Amino acid sequence: MSGDSVEELRQFRNKYKLNFPLLSDAGHETLEGYGVWQEKNIYGRKTMGIVRTTYVIGEDGTVKRVFPKVKVDGHIREVLAALKG
């Protein structure tokens, strides 16, 4: 889920030829609900933004696993292992 607009996500999806839907939450309601819309300190400048986090949600709608403050490198392996186990 992204804080970007639907149009921005459409352009991003087209640019990178993605074959899956992207979710927009430009008003940040869901992002805030999951606790990922937070104040960030970037080079001494405070701003609001998304703290990259992955939630694994089960078929029953419950959160099965949370990966906070995700680092991209190697993360897919962690998520795939969680989905298998």
N, C-alpha and C. Protein backbone atom coordinates (compact mmCIF):
# COMPACT_ATOMS: atom_id res chain seq x y z
N MET A 1 0.85 -1.16 0.00
CA MET A 1 0.00 0.00 0.00
C MET A 1 0.90 1.23 0.00
N SER A 2 0.46 2.23 -0.72
CA SER A 2 1.25 3.44 -0.88
C SER A 2 0.43 4.67 -0.52
N GLY A 3 1.11 5.70 -0.10
CA GLY A 3 0.46 6.99 0.13
C GLY A 3 0.32 7.80 -1.15
N ASP A 4 0.80 7.26 -2.25
CA ASP A 4 0.69 7.93 -3.55
C ASP A 4 -0.73 7.83 -4.09
N SER A 5 -1.06 8.73 -5.00
CA SER A 5 -2.39 8.74 -5.61
C SER A 5 -2.55 7.56 -6.57
N VAL A 6 -3.78 7.27 -6.93
CA VAL A 6 -4.07 6.20 -7.89
C VAL A 6 -3.35 6.49 -9.21
N GLU A 7 -3.37 7.73 -9.65
CA GLU A 7 -2.71 8.09 -10.92
C GLU A 7 -1.20 7.87 -10.83
N GLU A 8 -0.57 8.28 -9.73
CA GLU A 8 0.87 8.06 -9.58
C GLU A 8 1.20 6.57 -9.60
N LEU A 9 0.37 5.77 -8.95
CA LEU A 9 0.60 4.32 -8.94
C LEU A 9 0.37 3.71 -10.32
N ARG A 10 -0.60 4.22 -11.07
CA ARG A 10 -0.83 3.74 -12.43
C ARG A 10 0.40 3.98 -13.28
N GLN A 11 0.96 5.17 -13.18
CA GLN A 11 2.17 5.49 -13.94
C GLN A 11 3.34 4.60 -13.53
N PHE A 12 3.50 4.37 -12.24
CA PHE A 12 4.58 3.52 -11.73
C PHE A 12 4.39 2.09 -12.23
N ARG A 13 3.18 1.59 -12.16
CA ARG A 13 2.87 0.23 -12.61
C ARG A 13 3.18 0.07 -14.10
N ASN A 14 2.78 1.06 -14.89
CA ASN A 14 3.05 1.01 -16.33
C ASN A 14 4.55 1.11 -16.63
N LYS A 15 5.23 1.99 -15.93
CA LYS A 15 6.67 2.19 -16.16
C LYS A 15 7.45 0.90 -15.94
N TYR A 16 7.09 0.17 -14.87
CA TYR A 16 7.83 -1.03 -14.52
C TYR A 16 7.14 -2.32 -14.98
N LYS A 17 6.05 -2.15 -15.77
CA LYS A 17 5.33 -3.28 -16.35
C LYS A 17 4.95 -4.32 -15.30
N LEU A 18 4.40 -3.85 -14.19
CA LEU A 18 3.99 -4.74 -13.11
C LEU A 18 2.68 -5.43 -13.48
N ASN A 19 2.53 -6.68 -13.11
CA ASN A 19 1.32 -7.42 -13.47
C ASN A 19 0.45 -7.74 -12.25
N PHE A 20 0.49 -6.86 -11.27
CA PHE A 20 -0.34 -7.03 -10.07
C PHE A 20 -0.85 -5.65 -9.63
N PRO A 21 -1.95 -5.62 -8.91
CA PRO A 21 -2.51 -4.33 -8.49
C PRO A 21 -1.68 -3.66 -7.40
N LEU A 22 -1.70 -2.35 -7.39
CA LEU A 22 -1.07 -1.55 -6.34
C LEU A 22 -2.18 -0.81 -5.61
N LEU A 23 -2.05 -0.69 -4.30
CA LEU A 23 -3.09 -0.05 -3.49
C LEU A 23 -2.68 1.36 -3.09
N SER A 24 -3.62 2.30 -3.25
CA SER A 24 -3.40 3.69 -2.89
C SER A 24 -4.15 4.02 -1.61
N ASP A 25 -3.49 4.72 -0.71
CA ASP A 25 -4.12 5.26 0.49
C ASP A 25 -3.64 6.71 0.65
N ALA A 26 -4.02 7.53 -0.31
CA ALA A 26 -3.55 8.92 -0.33
C ALA A 26 -3.96 9.70 0.91
N GLY A 27 -5.05 9.29 1.58
CA GLY A 27 -5.48 9.96 2.81
C GLY A 27 -4.82 9.40 4.06
N HIS A 28 -4.08 8.31 3.92
CA HIS A 28 -3.27 7.69 4.97
C HIS A 28 -4.08 7.04 6.09
N GLU A 29 -5.37 6.83 5.90
CA GLU A 29 -6.19 6.24 6.97
C GLU A 29 -5.74 4.82 7.31
N THR A 30 -5.59 3.98 6.31
CA THR A 30 -5.16 2.59 6.55
C THR A 30 -3.71 2.55 7.00
N LEU A 31 -2.87 3.36 6.38
CA LEU A 31 -1.45 3.42 6.77
C LEU A 31 -1.31 3.80 8.24
N GLU A 32 -2.11 4.75 8.68
CA GLU A 32 -2.08 5.15 10.10
C GLU A 32 -2.61 4.01 10.98
N GLY A 33 -3.66 3.33 10.51
CA GLY A 33 -4.23 2.22 11.27
C GLY A 33 -3.23 1.09 11.50
N TYR A 34 -2.37 0.86 10.54
CA TYR A 34 -1.34 -0.17 10.68
C TYR A 34 -0.08 0.36 11.35
N GLY A 35 -0.08 1.65 11.67
CA GLY A 35 1.05 2.23 12.39
C GLY A 35 2.29 2.46 11.56
N VAL A 36 2.14 2.53 10.23
CA VAL A 36 3.31 2.71 9.38
C VAL A 36 3.47 4.13 8.85
N TRP A 37 2.49 5.00 9.08
CA TRP A 37 2.61 6.42 8.70
C TRP A 37 3.18 7.12 9.92
N GLN A 38 4.47 7.44 9.87
CA GLN A 38 5.19 7.94 11.04
C GLN A 38 6.08 9.11 10.69
N GLU A 39 6.48 9.81 11.73
CA GLU A 39 7.47 10.86 11.54
C GLU A 39 8.82 10.20 11.29
N LYS A 40 9.51 10.70 10.27
CA LYS A 40 10.82 10.18 9.91
C LYS A 40 11.82 11.32 9.94
N ASN A 41 13.05 10.99 10.26
CA ASN A 41 14.12 11.97 10.30
C ASN A 41 15.08 11.65 9.16
N ILE A 42 15.05 12.46 8.12
CA ILE A 42 15.89 12.23 6.95
C ILE A 42 16.91 13.37 6.85
N TYR A 43 18.15 13.02 7.11
CA TYR A 43 19.24 14.00 7.09
C TYR A 43 18.93 15.22 7.95
N GLY A 44 18.40 14.97 9.15
CA GLY A 44 18.11 16.04 10.09
C GLY A 44 16.80 16.77 9.86
N ARG A 45 16.09 16.39 8.80
CA ARG A 45 14.80 17.03 8.48
C ARG A 45 13.67 16.08 8.83
N LYS A 46 12.74 16.53 9.66
CA LYS A 46 11.62 15.69 10.06
C LYS A 46 10.48 15.82 9.06
N THR A 47 9.95 14.67 8.67
CA THR A 47 8.85 14.63 7.71
C THR A 47 8.00 13.40 8.00
N MET A 48 6.76 13.41 7.55
CA MET A 48 5.90 12.25 7.70
C MET A 48 6.05 11.35 6.48
N GLY A 49 6.04 10.07 6.71
CA GLY A 49 6.17 9.13 5.61
C GLY A 49 5.92 7.71 6.06
N ILE A 50 6.02 6.81 5.12
CA ILE A 50 5.78 5.40 5.40
C ILE A 50 7.07 4.74 5.87
N VAL A 51 6.97 4.01 6.98
CA VAL A 51 8.06 3.17 7.43
C VAL A 51 7.80 1.82 6.77
N ARG A 52 8.67 1.42 5.86
CA ARG A 52 8.48 0.21 5.05
C ARG A 52 8.31 -0.99 5.98
N THR A 53 7.14 -1.63 5.88
CA THR A 53 6.77 -2.74 6.74
C THR A 53 5.99 -3.75 5.91
N THR A 54 6.19 -5.04 6.18
CA THR A 54 5.43 -6.08 5.51
C THR A 54 4.55 -6.78 6.53
N TYR A 55 3.27 -6.93 6.19
CA TYR A 55 2.33 -7.70 7.00
C TYR A 55 1.92 -8.93 6.20
N VAL A 56 2.02 -10.10 6.83
CA VAL A 56 1.50 -11.33 6.23
C VAL A 56 0.14 -11.55 6.87
N ILE A 57 -0.89 -11.52 6.02
CA ILE A 57 -2.27 -11.63 6.51
C ILE A 57 -2.84 -12.97 6.03
N GLY A 58 -3.35 -13.75 6.97
CA GLY A 58 -3.88 -15.07 6.65
C GLY A 58 -5.22 -15.00 5.94
N GLU A 59 -5.64 -16.15 5.43
CA GLU A 59 -6.92 -16.24 4.73
C GLU A 59 -8.08 -15.83 5.62
N ASP A 60 -7.93 -16.00 6.94
CA ASP A 60 -8.99 -15.62 7.87
C ASP A 60 -8.98 -14.14 8.22
N GLY A 61 -8.03 -13.38 7.64
CA GLY A 61 -7.96 -11.94 7.85
C GLY A 61 -7.12 -11.52 9.05
N THR A 62 -6.51 -12.47 9.74
CA THR A 62 -5.68 -12.11 10.88
C THR A 62 -4.23 -11.92 10.46
N VAL A 63 -3.55 -11.03 11.17
CA VAL A 63 -2.14 -10.78 10.90
C VAL A 63 -1.34 -11.95 11.44
N LYS A 64 -0.61 -12.62 10.56
CA LYS A 64 0.17 -13.80 10.93
C LYS A 64 1.62 -13.45 11.26
N ARG A 65 2.14 -12.41 10.62
CA ARG A 65 3.55 -12.04 10.82
C ARG A 65 3.74 -10.59 10.41
N VAL A 66 4.61 -9.90 11.13
CA VAL A 66 4.95 -8.51 10.81
C VAL A 66 6.47 -8.41 10.68
N PHE A 67 6.89 -7.79 9.59
CA PHE A 67 8.31 -7.51 9.35
C PHE A 67 8.47 -5.99 9.41
N PRO A 68 8.90 -5.44 10.55
CA PRO A 68 9.04 -3.98 10.66
C PRO A 68 10.34 -3.48 10.04
N LYS A 69 10.32 -2.23 9.62
CA LYS A 69 11.52 -1.54 9.10
C LYS A 69 12.27 -2.41 8.10
N VAL A 70 11.58 -2.80 7.06
CA VAL A 70 12.10 -3.73 6.05
C VAL A 70 13.28 -3.15 5.29
N LYS A 71 14.29 -3.99 5.12
CA LYS A 71 15.40 -3.71 4.21
C LYS A 71 15.14 -4.57 2.98
N VAL A 72 15.21 -3.99 1.81
CA VAL A 72 14.81 -4.67 0.58
C VAL A 72 15.64 -5.92 0.29
N ASP A 73 16.96 -5.80 0.40
CA ASP A 73 17.84 -6.92 0.08
C ASP A 73 17.52 -8.13 0.96
N GLY A 74 17.17 -9.25 0.33
CA GLY A 74 16.91 -10.49 1.03
C GLY A 74 15.53 -10.62 1.63
N HIS A 75 14.74 -9.57 1.59
CA HIS A 75 13.44 -9.59 2.25
C HIS A 75 12.48 -10.61 1.63
N ILE A 76 12.52 -10.77 0.33
CA ILE A 76 11.61 -11.71 -0.32
C ILE A 76 11.80 -13.12 0.21
N ARG A 77 13.02 -13.50 0.53
CA ARG A 77 13.28 -14.84 1.07
C ARG A 77 12.62 -14.99 2.44
N GLU A 78 12.69 -13.94 3.27
CA GLU A 78 12.05 -13.98 4.59
C GLU A 78 10.54 -14.15 4.46
N VAL A 79 9.94 -13.39 3.54
CA VAL A 79 8.49 -13.44 3.36
C VAL A 79 8.07 -14.80 2.83
N LEU A 80 8.77 -15.31 1.83
CA LEU A 80 8.42 -16.63 1.28
C LEU A 80 8.53 -17.72 2.33
N ALA A 81 9.54 -17.65 3.19
CA ALA A 81 9.69 -18.62 4.28
C ALA A 81 8.51 -18.53 5.25
N ALA A 82 8.07 -17.31 5.55
CA ALA A 82 6.93 -17.13 6.45
C ALA A 82 5.65 -17.67 5.83
N LEU A 83 5.49 -17.51 4.52
CA LEU A 83 4.30 -18.01 3.85
C LEU A 83 4.26 -19.55 3.83
N LYS A 84 5.42 -20.16 3.76
CA LYS A 84 5.49 -21.63 3.74
C LYS A 84 5.29 -22.23 5.12
N GLY A 85 5.72 -21.48 6.14
CA GLY A 85 5.76 -22.07 7.46
C GLY A 85 4.69 -21.72 8.37
